[in-house]
Protein backbone atom coordinates (compact mmCIF):
# COMPACT_ATOMS: atom_id res chain seq x y z
CA MET A 1 -5.04 4.34 -9.20
CA LEU A 2 -5.56 6.32 -5.99
CA ARG A 3 -8.41 8.25 -7.55
CA GLY A 4 -10.30 8.74 -4.30
CA PHE A 5 -7.32 9.71 -2.15
CA GLY A 6 -5.45 13.01 -1.92
CA ALA A 7 -2.15 13.80 -3.53
CA VAL A 8 0.74 11.45 -3.90
CA LEU A 9 3.82 13.57 -3.35
CA ALA A 10 6.39 11.36 -5.02
CA ILE A 11 7.50 7.89 -5.80
CA LEU A 12 11.06 7.67 -4.57
CA ALA A 13 13.77 5.06 -4.77
CA GLY A 14 14.19 3.74 -1.26
CA THR A 15 17.43 2.56 0.31
CA SER A 16 16.61 -1.00 -0.70
CA GLY A 17 16.24 0.07 -4.32
CA VAL A 18 12.49 -0.53 -4.14
CA ALA A 19 10.26 2.43 -4.93
CA ALA A 20 8.44 4.07 -2.05
CA THR A 21 5.34 6.20 -2.25
CA CYS A 22 4.88 9.33 -0.16
CA TYR A 23 1.42 10.76 0.45
CA GLU A 24 0.62 14.33 1.37
CA ILE A 25 -1.48 13.34 4.39
CA ILE A 26 -0.11 10.06 5.75
CA GLY A 27 3.62 10.11 4.90
CA CYS A 28 5.93 7.68 3.10
CA ASP A 29 4.87 4.04 3.10
CA ASP A 30 8.36 2.69 3.81
CA SER A 31 9.60 5.22 6.38
CA SER A 32 6.59 6.66 8.27
CA HIS A 33 4.13 5.05 10.65
CA PHE A 34 0.67 5.81 9.28
CA SER A 35 -1.54 7.12 12.07
CA ARG A 36 -4.76 5.30 12.83
CA SER A 37 -6.70 8.57 12.89
CA ASP A 38 -5.46 9.56 9.41
CA LEU A 39 -6.29 6.11 8.06
CA SER A 40 -9.78 6.23 9.62
CA ARG A 41 -10.58 9.27 7.44
CA MET A 42 -9.71 7.46 4.21
CA SER A 43 -12.24 5.64 2.03
CA CYS A 44 -12.24 1.86 1.66
CA GLN A 45 -11.02 2.27 -1.92
CA SER A 46 -8.09 4.47 -0.89
CA LEU A 47 -7.10 2.12 1.92
CA TRP A 48 -7.18 -0.82 -0.48
CA GLU A 49 -5.06 1.05 -3.01
CA VAL A 50 -2.42 2.18 -0.51
CA ARG A 51 -2.15 -1.30 1.04
CA ASN A 52 -1.82 -3.02 -2.30
CA LEU A 53 0.65 -0.46 -3.64
CA ILE A 54 2.99 -1.44 -0.80
CA TYR A 55 2.81 -5.05 -1.99
CA GLN A 56 3.24 -4.07 -5.64
CA GLN A 57 6.35 -1.99 -4.87
CA ASN A 58 7.85 -5.07 -3.24
CA GLY A 59 7.31 -7.43 -6.18
CA TYR A 60 4.00 -9.11 -5.45
CA CYS A 61 2.14 -10.67 -8.40
CA PHE A 62 -1.55 -10.01 -7.82
CA GLN A 63 -3.99 -12.88 -7.99
CA THR A 64 -7.34 -11.08 -8.16
CA GLU A 65 -8.74 -9.49 -11.29
CA ARG A 66 -9.45 -6.27 -9.39
CA ALA A 67 -5.82 -5.90 -8.29
CA ARG A 68 -4.39 -6.95 -11.66
CA ASN A 69 -6.60 -4.34 -13.35
CA ALA A 70 -5.50 -1.64 -10.90
CA PHE A 71 -1.80 -2.46 -10.61
CA GLY A 72 -0.89 -4.97 -13.30
CA ASN A 73 1.76 -7.61 -12.78
CA SER A 74 4.53 -6.18 -14.91
CA GLY A 75 7.88 -6.77 -13.23
CA CYS A 76 6.46 -8.79 -10.36
CA TRP A 77 8.36 -11.82 -9.06
CA ILE A 78 6.63 -13.04 -5.87
CA THR A 79 3.44 -15.08 -6.17
CA ASN A 80 2.96 -15.90 -2.46
CA GLN A 81 1.93 -12.81 -0.49
CA SER A 82 3.44 -14.19 2.73
CA GLU A 83 6.85 -14.25 1.03
CA VAL A 84 6.84 -10.52 0.20
CA ARG A 85 9.68 -8.90 2.15
CA LEU A 86 8.40 -5.75 3.85
CA ASN A 87 10.45 -3.54 6.13
CA ALA A 88 9.16 -2.77 9.64
CA TYR A 89 7.32 0.41 8.55
CA GLU A 90 5.65 -1.33 5.62
CA ARG A 91 4.61 -4.30 7.80
CA GLU A 92 3.13 -2.00 10.44
CA ASN A 93 1.39 0.16 7.81
CA VAL A 94 -0.17 -2.86 6.12
CA ALA A 95 -1.42 -4.06 9.52
CA ARG A 96 -2.83 -0.62 10.39
CA ILE A 97 -4.49 -0.28 7.00
CA SER A 98 -6.02 -3.76 7.38
CA GLN A 99 -7.34 -2.77 10.83
CA ALA A 100 -8.85 0.43 9.39
CA GLU A 101 -10.46 -1.56 6.57
CA LYS A 102 -11.94 -4.00 9.07
CA ALA A 103 -13.23 -1.18 11.31
CA LYS A 104 -14.95 0.44 8.30
CA GLY A 105 -16.41 -2.87 7.11
CA CYS A 106 -14.52 -2.71 3.80
CA ASN A 107 -14.56 -5.82 1.65
């Protein structure tokens, strides 16, 4: 996981008890607003991994083979992506990552 993207600094327990991931370049996924310019420099693979890690950390059970292979479904409890409870930072970061993926033509 995150093979094509720089260093992950740490996986920390957030205030909600859900793990957060902090990246050397873009910040922590649950407490930093990822900048559009930083995201634009990331590969499609890295964007996909960061976006889906946010969902995994919040209990999402992946439906696609690609995501299940990358993240697994151990400990997941939410099968409907729209029901995953994201905080304001996570919601904004997912939206910004999705915009970056669309701008790059990622699939």
